[in-house]
């Protein structure tokens, strides 16, 4: 590109921003500098103004819906041009300076002076531009009536339970997407744009994929994931636009016009009205006033948008974590497990009859659990003086102290106890009853351990990856109702056999938080409880809301 072409492109962008009243102070100063220092920049500036005026008149000559050319207006314009040429005085006429640059002094830009002949030529040239533009639009839109070929800007990657209005062509996986308004009543669609960005639109929605790097949202929810190679992707609406700076974000527009812009990761630029601007970062949310364009803070809601769909497996993921207690209950981790379902310590199979009159010593230190997808095994830590096997791959761990190898009942989904001299009751931690309707919990009486297989979990939910383990744990305070002793136990968390948490706990300590990041290479997450050296009676250990936080990975 030669210097003139580079200057022409730069001037075109700046002048367009100026004419649309979207130019910022820095850009305005740069435009003034170019006009002051480069004669060719001033020449380009006046040419661009002429073209802009001509195209405005062209819009008046031809209707936007392909109406017939208004020849009367053209004839009137030519008549006025002819009359002006005849009646214009011979002496030079100084034209006023263009209104877009108001603060340039006379000595910084030399104004052009035209005589009647020069002005006549300019007006005739302008008329030619108008007539030519109008004629092109007329022939293109009315005479030939040939619809323009719209480019393919994206493709449908996946659909999930979509409901389309009567008479509307239903889009399916692999279908091309061209510019134009689309409506659907329910469900979700994942769209892959040509530039690499992906968007999940949740119905009911009305939207348009305008270009390969822009979607226009009239109503509905859209979650956008933008890889580094596609930075600059835009979501527009009637009130604002969001320009990606390397992010995952969601935009919501309700039928009443209320809206939400929410950033999950990275950052993006939010522009509203003529002057409102904000930079959003991960964990932030905003709304835009429909009347004033003012930007205000909103409460961040992690599960406000659908972030992943898998129609084959029926997965609709809105950012919710995977519930490890639910998996022990025979579920998929998203609420399908059965309360009080557990794992038999001899067979590794599902078991509902979990009450026990006394503690027992299992016959095996290691038990496979094939009936529980996502769980590799259960084991007895400290069964003897040998390292404990904690996975089906033969992984062992020698950190557990030798215990009496005894346990009570079974490892199960819930937080309750029933035994000799102890009626059925719900456990309590931090003074709160762990009612199942509000708290999901995993009961692990010492001495017991369980290993989850993240590889198996990921195979069941492609596109999602566990990134963090969270829970709150402790010994139930209800033991104080039935014993004068102070129960104690040791809580363990291991990643691939390596200890990430070891915490000795007394019942009186209350609960404590577990928050452990996972590596992409982590396969086995093991939770275990061993007695505190005083036997395992009343070691009613619970993990409240034991969750694996997930992340979408393209």
Protein backbone atom coordinates (compact mmCIF):
# COMPACT_ATOMS: atom_id res chain seq x y z
CA UNK A 1 0.00 0.00 0.00
CA UNK A 2 1.51 3.35 -1.07
CA UNK A 3 1.54 6.39 1.29
CA UNK A 4 -1.40 8.07 -0.46
CA UNK A 5 -3.60 4.96 -0.15
CA UNK A 6 -2.66 4.68 3.52
CA UNK A 7 -3.55 8.33 4.11
CA UNK A 8 -6.81 7.92 2.18
CA UNK A 9 -7.84 4.98 4.37
CA UNK A 10 -6.92 6.80 7.58
CA UNK A 11 -8.72 9.98 6.55
CA UNK A 12 -11.81 8.02 5.49
CA UNK A 13 -12.10 6.42 8.93
CA UNK A 14 -11.59 9.70 10.80
CA UNK A 15 -13.98 11.72 8.64
CA UNK A 16 -16.67 9.03 8.93
CA UNK A 17 -16.37 9.12 12.73
CA UNK A 18 -16.58 12.91 12.61
CA UNK A 19 -19.66 12.99 10.39
CA UNK A 20 -21.41 10.43 12.62
CA UNK A 21 -20.46 12.39 15.75
CA UNK A 22 -18.59 9.39 17.16
CA UNK A 23 -15.08 10.84 17.10
CA UNK A 24 -13.23 11.04 20.42
CA UNK A 25 -10.92 13.95 21.43
CA UNK A 26 -7.70 12.08 20.56
CA UNK A 27 -8.98 11.17 17.11
CA UNK A 28 -10.17 14.76 16.55
CA UNK A 29 -6.74 16.13 17.46
CA UNK A 30 -5.10 13.69 15.06
CA UNK A 31 -7.47 14.70 12.25
CA UNK A 32 -6.68 18.38 12.83
CA UNK A 33 -2.96 17.62 12.77
CA UNK A 34 -3.28 15.85 9.42
CA UNK A 35 -5.27 18.73 7.93
CA UNK A 36 -2.75 21.26 9.16
CA UNK A 37 0.39 19.43 8.01
CA UNK A 38 -0.63 17.63 4.80
CA UNK A 39 -2.13 19.41 1.78
CA UNK A 40 -3.20 16.07 0.32
CA UNK A 41 -5.14 15.39 3.55
CA UNK A 42 -7.11 18.61 3.05
CA UNK A 43 -7.82 17.62 -0.55
CA UNK A 44 -9.07 14.18 0.56
CA UNK A 45 -11.18 15.82 3.28
CA UNK A 46 -13.12 18.02 0.83
CA UNK A 47 -13.57 15.13 -1.60
CA UNK A 48 -15.02 12.97 1.15
CA UNK A 49 -17.43 15.73 2.16
CA UNK A 50 -18.62 16.03 -1.45
CA UNK A 51 -19.25 12.29 -1.69
CA UNK A 52 -21.06 12.29 1.66
CA UNK A 53 -23.39 15.10 0.54
CA UNK A 54 -24.03 13.35 -2.76
CA UNK A 55 -24.92 10.05 -1.10
CA UNK A 56 -27.32 11.80 1.28
CA UNK A 57 -29.17 13.24 -1.71
CA UNK A 58 -29.10 9.86 -3.40
CA UNK A 59 -31.00 8.38 -0.47
CA UNK A 60 -33.70 11.00 -1.05
CA UNK A 61 -33.92 10.11 -4.72
CA UNK A 62 -34.51 6.41 -4.25
CA UNK A 63 -36.74 4.72 -1.67
CA UNK A 64 -35.13 2.19 0.66
CA UNK A 65 -37.57 -0.52 -0.45
CA UNK A 66 -36.79 -0.38 -4.15
CA UNK A 67 -39.31 2.30 -5.13
CA UNK A 68 -39.19 3.81 -8.61
CA UNK A 69 -36.62 6.46 -9.38
CA UNK A 70 -38.00 9.89 -8.73
CA UNK A 71 -37.14 11.50 -12.06
CA UNK A 72 -39.03 14.63 -11.12
CA UNK A 73 -36.60 15.34 -8.31
CA UNK A 74 -33.65 14.79 -10.66
CA UNK A 75 -35.11 17.14 -13.28
CA UNK A 76 -35.71 19.77 -10.62
CA UNK A 77 -32.15 19.45 -9.40
CA UNK A 78 -30.71 19.80 -12.92
CA UNK A 79 -32.93 22.82 -13.59
CA UNK A 80 -31.71 24.51 -10.43
CA UNK A 81 -28.09 23.76 -11.35
CA UNK A 82 -28.60 25.34 -14.79
CA UNK A 83 -30.24 28.41 -13.29
CA UNK A 84 -27.43 28.80 -10.75
CA UNK A 85 -24.81 28.59 -13.46
CA UNK A 86 -26.50 31.44 -15.43
CA UNK A 87 -27.18 33.75 -12.51
CA UNK A 88 -23.98 33.26 -10.49
CA UNK A 89 -21.95 36.51 -10.27
CA UNK A 90 -18.58 36.56 -12.01
CA UNK A 91 -16.52 37.60 -8.97
CA UNK A 92 -15.03 34.86 -6.81
CA UNK A 93 -17.09 33.45 -3.98
CA UNK A 94 -15.56 32.27 -0.74
CA UNK A 95 -17.18 29.05 0.49
CA UNK A 96 -17.69 28.63 4.25
CA UNK A 97 -15.47 26.20 6.03
CA UNK A 98 -16.87 22.67 6.58
CA UNK A 99 -18.78 22.47 9.87
CA UNK A 100 -17.05 19.27 11.01
CA UNK A 101 -13.81 21.12 11.81
CA UNK A 102 -14.85 24.27 13.64
CA UNK A 103 -11.69 25.29 15.43
CA UNK A 104 -9.22 25.49 12.53
CA UNK A 105 -8.09 29.07 12.04
CA UNK A 106 -7.91 30.78 8.66
CA UNK A 107 -4.13 30.82 8.69
CA UNK A 108 -3.95 27.03 9.29
CA UNK A 109 -6.09 26.06 6.28
CA UNK A 110 -6.13 28.18 3.11
CA UNK A 111 -9.72 28.34 1.89
CA UNK A 112 -10.33 27.58 -1.74
CA UNK A 113 -11.79 30.39 -3.88
CA UNK A 114 -13.93 29.59 -6.86
CA UNK A 115 -15.27 31.57 -9.76
CA UNK A 116 -18.55 30.90 -11.51
CA UNK A 117 -16.97 28.40 -13.91
CA UNK A 118 -15.32 26.45 -11.07
CA UNK A 119 -18.49 26.29 -9.04
CA UNK A 120 -20.51 25.27 -12.08
CA UNK A 121 -18.16 22.39 -12.72
CA UNK A 122 -18.34 21.34 -9.09
CA UNK A 123 -22.15 21.37 -9.07
CA UNK A 124 -22.40 19.49 -12.35
CA UNK A 125 -19.95 16.90 -11.01
CA UNK A 126 -22.02 16.58 -7.86
CA UNK A 127 -25.16 16.12 -9.91
CA UNK A 128 -23.44 13.42 -11.91
CA UNK A 129 -22.54 11.59 -8.72
CA UNK A 130 -26.13 11.80 -7.49
CA UNK A 131 -27.65 10.63 -10.76
CA UNK A 132 -25.13 7.82 -11.12
CA UNK A 133 -25.73 6.59 -7.55
CA UNK A 134 -29.49 6.82 -7.96
CA UNK A 135 -29.36 5.00 -11.29
CA UNK A 136 -27.24 2.18 -9.86
CA UNK A 137 -29.62 1.73 -6.93
CA UNK A 138 -32.62 1.91 -9.24
CA UNK A 139 -31.38 -0.70 -11.68
CA UNK A 140 -30.13 -2.93 -8.90
CA UNK A 141 -33.30 -2.85 -6.83
CA UNK A 142 -36.18 -2.33 -9.21
CA UNK A 143 -35.56 -3.12 -12.87
CA UNK A 144 -33.78 -6.41 -12.54
CA UNK A 145 -35.33 -7.36 -9.20
CA UNK A 146 -32.54 -9.87 -8.58
CA UNK A 147 -32.03 -10.59 -4.86
CA UNK A 148 -28.50 -9.98 -3.70
CA UNK A 149 -26.56 -13.06 -2.68
CA UNK A 150 -25.96 -12.85 1.05
CA UNK A 151 -22.69 -14.31 2.27
CA UNK A 152 -22.53 -17.22 4.71
CA UNK A 153 -21.17 -15.74 7.94
CA UNK A 154 -21.62 -18.71 10.30
CA UNK A 155 -22.94 -22.26 10.66
CA UNK A 156 -25.21 -24.02 13.12
CA UNK A 157 -23.05 -26.21 15.35
CA UNK A 158 -25.82 -27.71 17.46
CA UNK A 159 -29.44 -27.28 18.45
CA UNK A 160 -31.12 -28.28 21.71
CA UNK A 161 -34.91 -28.66 22.10
CA UNK A 162 -35.58 -25.79 19.67
CA UNK A 163 -39.16 -24.74 18.92
CA UNK A 164 -39.68 -22.66 15.77
CA UNK A 165 -42.74 -20.56 14.81
CA UNK A 166 -45.20 -22.06 12.36
CA UNK A 167 -44.08 -21.63 8.77
CA UNK A 168 -40.46 -20.85 9.66
CA UNK A 169 -37.70 -23.02 8.26
CA UNK A 170 -36.07 -24.89 11.13
CA UNK A 171 -32.30 -24.64 11.26
CA UNK A 172 -30.36 -27.82 11.97
CA UNK A 173 -26.80 -28.81 12.69
CA UNK A 174 -24.50 -27.87 9.80
CA UNK A 175 -26.90 -25.40 8.19
CA UNK A 176 -25.35 -22.15 6.91
CA UNK A 177 -26.30 -18.85 8.53
CA UNK A 178 -26.59 -15.70 6.42
CA UNK A 179 -27.36 -12.11 7.42
CA UNK A 180 -31.05 -11.76 8.25
CA UNK A 181 -33.38 -11.83 11.23
CA UNK A 182 -34.05 -15.21 12.88
CA UNK A 183 -36.71 -16.06 15.46
CA UNK A 184 -37.31 -19.14 17.57
CA UNK A 185 -39.59 -19.71 20.54
CA UNK A 186 -37.66 -22.05 22.84
CA UNK A 187 -34.52 -24.12 23.24
CA UNK A 188 -30.95 -23.21 22.40
CA UNK A 189 -28.72 -22.92 19.33
CA UNK A 190 -24.93 -22.96 19.21
CA UNK A 191 -23.52 -20.99 16.27
CA UNK A 192 -19.91 -21.05 15.04
CA UNK A 193 -18.94 -17.84 13.24
CA UNK A 194 -16.45 -17.81 10.39
CA UNK A 195 -13.97 -15.82 12.46
CA UNK A 196 -13.85 -18.57 15.12
CA UNK A 197 -16.13 -17.15 17.82
CA UNK A 198 -19.06 -19.24 19.04
CA UNK A 199 -22.40 -18.10 20.44
CA UNK A 200 -25.18 -19.94 22.24
CA UNK A 201 -28.53 -18.22 21.72
CA UNK A 202 -31.29 -19.16 24.17
CA UNK A 203 -34.92 -18.84 23.16
CA UNK A 204 -37.30 -17.21 22.98
CA UNK A 205 -34.99 -15.06 20.90
CA UNK A 206 -34.82 -12.73 17.91
CA UNK A 207 -31.38 -12.05 16.45
CA UNK A 208 -29.34 -11.55 13.31
CA UNK A 209 -25.84 -12.78 12.46
CA UNK A 210 -24.88 -9.66 10.50
CA UNK A 211 -21.25 -10.44 9.73
CA UNK A 212 -18.70 -13.11 10.52
CA UNK A 213 -17.76 -11.18 13.68
CA UNK A 214 -21.05 -9.59 14.80
CA UNK A 215 -24.43 -10.68 16.12
CA UNK A 216 -27.37 -8.31 16.63
CA UNK A 217 -29.69 -9.25 19.50
CA UNK A 218 -33.25 -7.92 19.56
CA UNK A 219 -34.40 -10.12 22.46
CA UNK A 220 -33.28 -13.29 24.21
CA UNK A 221 -30.01 -14.48 25.74
CA UNK A 222 -26.67 -15.00 24.01
CA UNK A 223 -23.46 -16.36 25.52
CA UNK A 224 -20.33 -15.66 23.48
CA UNK A 225 -16.99 -17.45 23.68
CA UNK A 226 -14.19 -15.73 21.77
CA UNK A 227 -10.78 -17.38 21.20
CA UNK A 228 -7.65 -15.19 21.07
CA UNK A 229 -7.64 -15.33 17.27
CA UNK A 230 -11.11 -13.71 17.12
CA UNK A 231 -10.71 -10.74 19.47
CA UNK A 232 -13.02 -7.90 18.44
CA UNK A 233 -16.25 -9.91 18.09
CA UNK A 234 -19.31 -7.69 18.72
CA UNK A 235 -22.78 -8.11 20.18
CA UNK A 236 -25.06 -5.19 19.26
CA UNK A 237 -28.52 -4.13 20.33
CA UNK A 238 -30.73 -1.07 19.92
CA UNK A 239 -29.24 0.47 23.06
CA UNK A 240 -25.61 -0.66 23.27
CA UNK A 241 -22.82 -2.75 21.82
CA UNK A 242 -20.26 -5.02 23.48
CA UNK A 243 -16.86 -5.33 21.81
CA UNK A 244 -14.84 -8.34 22.88
CA UNK A 245 -11.29 -7.94 24.13
CA UNK A 246 -10.69 -11.67 24.62
CA UNK A 247 -13.55 -12.99 26.72
CA UNK A 248 -16.54 -15.09 27.56
CA UNK A 249 -19.60 -12.95 28.20
CA UNK A 250 -23.38 -13.00 28.10
CA UNK A 251 -25.96 -10.47 26.90
CA UNK A 252 -29.63 -10.63 27.87
CA UNK A 253 -32.49 -8.53 26.47
CA UNK A 254 -35.95 -9.18 27.85
CA UNK A 255 -39.20 -8.37 26.02
CA UNK A 256 -39.73 -5.35 28.29
CA UNK A 257 -36.38 -3.92 27.18
CA UNK A 258 -34.49 -4.61 30.41
CA UNK A 259 -31.02 -5.95 29.80
CA UNK A 260 -27.94 -7.51 31.37
CA UNK A 261 -24.34 -7.66 30.19
CA UNK A 262 -22.25 -10.13 32.20
CA UNK A 263 -18.55 -10.94 31.95
CA UNK A 264 -17.35 -14.44 32.84
CA UNK A 265 -13.68 -14.31 31.90
CA UNK A 266 -11.37 -11.75 30.30
CA UNK A 267 -12.71 -8.29 29.49
CA UNK A 268 -14.83 -6.41 26.97
CA UNK A 269 -15.76 -2.85 26.08
CA UNK A 270 -19.37 -1.72 26.63
CA UNK A 271 -20.52 1.31 24.60
CA UNK A 272 -23.96 2.86 25.07
CA UNK A 273 -25.47 5.99 23.56
CA UNK A 274 -23.06 8.65 22.29
CA UNK A 275 -20.75 8.92 25.27
CA UNK A 276 -21.27 6.10 27.79
CA UNK A 277 -18.39 3.65 27.92
CA UNK A 278 -17.17 1.01 30.37
CA UNK A 279 -14.67 -1.85 30.52
CA UNK A 280 -16.09 -5.05 32.03
CA UNK A 281 -13.90 -7.73 33.59
CA UNK A 282 -14.55 -11.29 34.73
CA UNK A 283 -17.11 -11.49 37.54
CA UNK A 284 -18.78 -8.17 36.69
CA UNK A 285 -22.25 -7.36 35.34
CA UNK A 286 -23.88 -4.19 34.00
CA UNK A 287 -27.20 -2.89 32.69
CA UNK A 288 -27.96 -0.03 30.28
CA UNK A 289 -30.83 2.41 30.80
CA UNK A 290 -33.09 2.29 27.76
CA UNK A 291 -33.86 6.01 27.87
CA UNK A 292 -30.60 7.68 28.86
CA UNK A 293 -28.05 5.05 27.87
CA UNK A 294 -26.53 5.28 31.36
CA UNK A 295 -24.51 2.23 32.44
CA UNK A 296 -25.06 0.86 35.95
CA UNK A 297 -23.73 -2.09 37.96
CA UNK A 298 -25.69 -5.32 38.31
CA UNK A 299 -25.29 -8.32 40.64
CA UNK A 300 -23.16 -11.00 38.99
CA UNK A 301 -25.14 -14.24 38.52
CA UNK A 302 -22.88 -17.17 37.51
CA UNK A 303 -25.77 -19.27 36.20
CA UNK A 304 -27.64 -16.56 34.27
CA UNK A 305 -26.72 -17.91 30.80
CA UNK A 306 -26.51 -21.28 29.05
CA UNK A 307 -22.79 -21.77 28.43
CA UNK A 308 -22.73 -25.27 26.93
CA UNK A 309 -25.18 -27.68 25.32
CA UNK A 310 -24.85 -31.34 24.38
CA UNK A 311 -27.96 -32.61 22.63
CA UNK A 312 -26.72 -36.23 22.49
CA UNK A 313 -26.36 -36.44 26.26
CA UNK A 314 -29.10 -33.98 27.13
CA UNK A 315 -26.71 -31.59 28.88
CA UNK A 316 -27.65 -27.94 29.33
CA UNK A 317 -24.90 -26.30 31.36
CA UNK A 318 -25.39 -22.85 32.89
CA UNK A 319 -22.23 -22.83 34.97
CA UNK A 320 -23.55 -25.07 37.75
CA UNK A 321 -20.96 -27.26 39.51
CA UNK A 322 -20.94 -31.07 39.53
CA UNK A 323 -22.37 -32.47 42.78
CA UNK A 324 -20.16 -35.30 44.11
CA UNK A 325 -22.79 -36.33 46.66
CA UNK A 326 -25.36 -36.72 43.88
CA UNK A 327 -22.98 -39.07 42.04
CA UNK A 328 -22.76 -41.27 45.17
CA UNK A 329 -26.57 -41.29 45.08
CA UNK A 330 -26.40 -42.93 41.64
CA UNK A 331 -26.93 -39.65 39.74
CA UNK A 332 -25.10 -37.75 37.03
CA UNK A 333 -23.98 -34.96 39.35
CA UNK A 334 -26.82 -32.61 38.40
CA UNK A 335 -29.62 -33.67 40.70
CA UNK A 336 -30.62 -37.09 39.38
CA UNK A 337 -29.22 -39.03 42.35
CA UNK A 338 -31.32 -40.60 45.07
CA UNK A 339 -31.22 -39.34 48.64
CA UNK A 340 -29.78 -41.92 51.08
CA UNK A 341 -28.40 -44.02 48.23
CA UNK A 342 -24.91 -45.30 49.06
CA UNK A 343 -22.19 -47.82 48.23
CA UNK A 344 -22.02 -51.30 49.73
CA UNK A 345 -18.62 -51.79 51.37
CA UNK A 346 -18.34 -55.43 50.32
CA UNK A 347 -19.71 -55.40 46.76
CA UNK A 348 -19.24 -51.80 45.61
CA UNK A 349 -22.86 -51.81 44.39
CA UNK A 350 -25.75 -49.46 45.13
CA UNK A 351 -27.42 -49.85 48.48
CA UNK A 352 -30.39 -48.15 50.17
CA UNK A 353 -30.49 -50.07 53.49
CA UNK A 354 -27.78 -48.07 55.21
CA UNK A 355 -28.62 -48.32 58.91
CA UNK A 356 -26.20 -50.25 61.09
CA UNK A 357 -26.32 -51.26 64.76
CA UNK A 358 -22.56 -51.18 65.27
CA UNK A 359 -19.27 -50.58 63.56
CA UNK A 360 -17.78 -53.32 61.41
CA UNK A 361 -14.53 -54.25 59.74
CA UNK A 362 -14.87 -54.83 55.95
CA UNK A 363 -13.17 -57.90 54.53
CA UNK A 364 -11.39 -55.90 51.79
CA UNK A 365 -9.30 -52.75 51.81
CA UNK A 366 -10.19 -51.82 48.19
CA UNK A 367 -13.56 -52.08 46.42
CA UNK A 368 -14.33 -51.25 42.77
CA UNK A 369 -17.61 -49.40 42.00
CA UNK A 370 -18.66 -50.21 38.40
CA UNK A 371 -22.30 -49.21 39.04
CA UNK A 372 -21.31 -45.59 39.69
CA UNK A 373 -20.12 -43.65 36.62
CA UNK A 374 -17.56 -41.12 37.77
CA UNK A 375 -16.51 -43.11 40.85
CA UNK A 376 -13.47 -45.35 40.50
CA UNK A 377 -13.47 -47.08 43.89
CA UNK A 378 -13.86 -46.88 47.66
CA UNK A 379 -11.12 -47.90 50.09
CA UNK A 380 -10.30 -48.36 53.78
CA UNK A 381 -7.43 -46.03 54.76
CA UNK A 382 -5.18 -47.42 57.50
CA UNK A 383 -6.65 -50.92 57.04
CA UNK A 384 -3.23 -52.29 58.03
CA UNK A 385 0.39 -51.22 57.79
CA UNK A 386 0.43 -51.55 54.00
CA UNK A 387 0.04 -48.55 51.62
CA UNK A 388 -3.61 -47.99 50.74
CA UNK A 389 -4.64 -48.67 47.14
CA UNK A 390 -6.78 -45.71 46.03
CA UNK A 391 -7.48 -46.38 42.33
CA UNK A 392 -8.13 -49.16 39.86
CA UNK A 393 -4.88 -48.23 38.10
CA UNK A 394 -2.90 -49.46 41.11
CA UNK A 395 -2.21 -46.03 42.57
CA UNK A 396 -1.24 -46.32 46.24
CA UNK A 397 -0.74 -43.90 49.11
CA UNK A 398 1.33 -44.50 52.27
CA UNK A 399 0.40 -41.33 54.19
CA UNK A 400 -2.52 -42.76 56.17
CA UNK A 401 -1.81 -43.83 59.74
CA UNK A 402 -2.75 -47.34 60.77
CA UNK A 403 -6.30 -47.35 62.16
CA UNK A 404 -8.55 -50.01 63.62
CA UNK A 405 -9.89 -50.52 60.09
CA UNK A 406 -13.45 -50.35 61.31
CA UNK A 407 -16.32 -48.31 59.84
CA UNK A 408 -19.98 -47.63 60.55
CA UNK A 409 -22.68 -48.10 57.95
CA UNK A 410 -21.95 -47.00 54.43
CA UNK A 411 -20.75 -44.03 52.42
CA UNK A 412 -23.89 -42.32 51.08
CA UNK A 413 -25.71 -39.26 49.69
CA UNK A 414 -27.14 -37.47 52.71
CA UNK A 415 -26.34 -36.26 56.22
CA UNK A 416 -28.04 -38.37 58.88
CA UNK A 417 -27.39 -41.18 61.36
CA UNK A 418 -29.20 -44.10 62.94
CA UNK A 419 -27.62 -46.69 65.19
CA UNK A 420 -27.69 -48.45 68.53
CA UNK A 421 -29.19 -46.04 71.04
CA UNK A 422 -29.30 -43.29 68.40
CA UNK A 423 -32.59 -42.59 66.60
CA UNK A 424 -32.66 -41.42 63.02
CA UNK A 425 -31.78 -37.72 62.88
CA UNK A 426 -30.34 -35.12 60.51
CA UNK A 427 -26.79 -33.98 61.15
CA UNK A 428 -25.91 -30.43 62.14
CA UNK A 429 -22.86 -28.27 61.39
CA UNK A 430 -22.20 -24.66 62.41
CA UNK A 431 -25.53 -24.72 64.21
CA UNK A 432 -27.45 -25.51 60.98
CA UNK A 433 -29.57 -28.61 60.34
CA UNK A 434 -28.33 -30.18 57.12
CA UNK A 435 -31.74 -30.67 55.59
CA UNK A 436 -31.50 -32.21 52.14
CA UNK A 437 -33.78 -29.60 50.56
CA UNK A 438 -31.18 -26.92 51.26
CA UNK A 439 -27.89 -28.76 51.69
CA UNK A 440 -26.46 -31.61 49.68
CA UNK A 441 -23.99 -33.62 51.72
CA UNK A 442 -21.74 -36.65 51.47
CA UNK A 443 -21.57 -38.78 54.63
CA UNK A 444 -18.21 -40.51 55.18
CA UNK A 445 -17.87 -42.12 58.59
CA UNK A 446 -14.27 -42.89 59.50
CA UNK A 447 -12.44 -44.95 58.34
CA UNK A 448 -13.49 -44.63 54.70
CA UNK A 449 -12.27 -43.12 51.43
CA UNK A 450 -13.60 -42.61 47.92
CA UNK A 451 -11.85 -41.84 44.61
CA UNK A 452 -13.59 -40.01 41.77
CA UNK A 453 -12.31 -40.54 38.21
CA UNK A 454 -12.19 -37.17 36.40
CA UNK A 455 -11.38 -38.89 33.10
CA UNK A 456 -14.66 -40.79 33.26
CA UNK A 457 -16.51 -37.63 34.29
CA UNK A 458 -15.13 -35.64 31.34
CA UNK A 459 -16.03 -38.39 28.86
CA UNK A 460 -19.63 -38.05 30.04
CA UNK A 461 -19.66 -34.28 29.44
CA UNK A 462 -17.40 -33.34 26.50
CA UNK A 463 -16.45 -29.68 26.42
CA UNK A 464 -16.44 -29.29 30.20
CA UNK A 465 -13.43 -29.69 32.47
CA UNK A 466 -13.27 -29.83 36.30
CA UNK A 467 -11.08 -26.98 37.53
CA UNK A 468 -11.67 -26.77 41.30
CA UNK A 469 -12.90 -28.79 44.28
CA UNK A 470 -15.03 -26.97 46.86
CA UNK A 471 -16.83 -28.15 49.97
CA UNK A 472 -17.39 -27.39 53.64
CA UNK A 473 -16.60 -30.23 56.02
CA UNK A 474 -16.68 -31.13 59.69
CA UNK A 475 -18.04 -33.47 62.39
CA UNK A 476 -21.74 -33.32 63.18
CA UNK A 477 -22.55 -31.43 66.37
CA UNK A 478 -25.42 -33.83 67.09
CA UNK A 479 -22.94 -36.34 68.53
CA UNK A 480 -22.95 -34.20 71.69
CA UNK A 481 -26.56 -35.34 72.32
CA UNK A 482 -25.44 -38.98 72.65
CA UNK A 483 -21.92 -39.00 74.14
CA UNK A 484 -19.85 -37.15 76.68
CA UNK A 485 -16.70 -37.73 74.65
CA UNK A 486 -15.30 -35.25 72.13
CA UNK A 487 -15.20 -37.03 68.74
CA UNK A 488 -12.16 -36.34 66.57
CA UNK A 489 -11.17 -37.27 63.03
CA UNK A 490 -8.74 -36.41 60.25
CA UNK A 491 -10.04 -35.17 56.89
CA UNK A 492 -8.00 -35.87 53.73
CA UNK A 493 -8.03 -34.68 50.12
CA UNK A 494 -5.65 -36.30 47.63
CA UNK A 495 -5.07 -35.54 43.94
CA UNK A 496 -3.58 -38.52 42.10
CA UNK A 497 -2.34 -39.86 45.43
CA UNK A 498 -0.66 -36.61 46.51
CA UNK A 499 -1.96 -35.04 49.73
CA UNK A 500 -3.51 -31.61 49.14
CA UNK A 501 -5.30 -31.36 52.48
CA UNK A 502 -4.82 -33.07 55.86
CA UNK A 503 -6.81 -31.57 58.73
CA UNK A 504 -7.35 -32.92 62.23
CA UNK A 505 -10.78 -31.83 63.49
CA UNK A 506 -12.64 -31.92 66.79
CA UNK A 507 -16.43 -31.84 66.84
CA UNK A 508 -16.26 -28.53 68.68
CA UNK A 509 -14.24 -26.94 65.86
CA UNK A 510 -17.27 -26.59 63.62
CA UNK A 511 -16.93 -26.59 59.85
CA UNK A 512 -14.03 -25.63 57.60
CA UNK A 513 -13.80 -24.81 53.91
CA UNK A 514 -12.12 -26.88 51.21
CA UNK A 515 -11.01 -25.02 48.09
CA UNK A 516 -8.45 -26.83 45.95
CA UNK A 517 -7.59 -26.06 42.30
CA UNK A 518 -7.27 -28.98 39.87
CA UNK A 519 -4.71 -29.36 37.12
CA UNK A 520 -5.72 -30.32 33.57
CA UNK A 521 -3.77 -33.54 34.12
CA UNK A 522 -5.49 -34.47 37.40
CA UNK A 523 -7.35 -37.76 37.10
CA UNK A 524 -8.23 -39.02 40.58
CA UNK A 525 -9.73 -36.89 43.38
CA UNK A 526 -9.84 -38.82 46.65
CA UNK A 527 -11.73 -37.84 49.83
CA UNK A 528 -11.10 -39.76 53.04
CA UNK A 529 -11.75 -39.61 56.78
CA UNK A 530 -9.67 -41.46 59.40
CA UNK A 531 -10.24 -41.62 63.15
CA UNK A 532 -8.34 -39.22 65.37
CA UNK A 533 -6.62 -41.99 67.36
CA UNK A 534 -9.51 -42.43 69.78
CA UNK A 535 -11.48 -44.95 67.73
CA UNK A 536 -14.17 -44.15 65.22
CA UNK A 537 -17.25 -43.95 67.45
CA UNK A 538 -19.37 -40.86 66.74
CA UNK A 539 -17.09 -39.74 63.88
CA UNK A 540 -20.10 -38.48 61.93
CA UNK A 541 -18.13 -36.73 59.20
CA UNK A 542 -19.90 -34.78 56.47
CA UNK A 543 -18.82 -32.92 53.31
CA UNK A 544 -21.45 -30.22 52.64
CA UNK A 545 -22.06 -29.33 48.98
CA UNK A 546 -18.98 -31.21 47.74
CA UNK A 547 -18.71 -29.79 44.23
CA UNK A 548 -16.41 -29.85 41.25
CA UNK A 549 -16.45 -26.45 39.57
CA UNK A 550 -16.39 -26.77 35.80
CA UNK A 551 -15.05 -24.73 32.92
CA UNK A 552 -16.03 -24.79 29.26
CA UNK A 553 -13.12 -25.64 26.98
CA UNK A 554 -13.50 -25.32 23.20
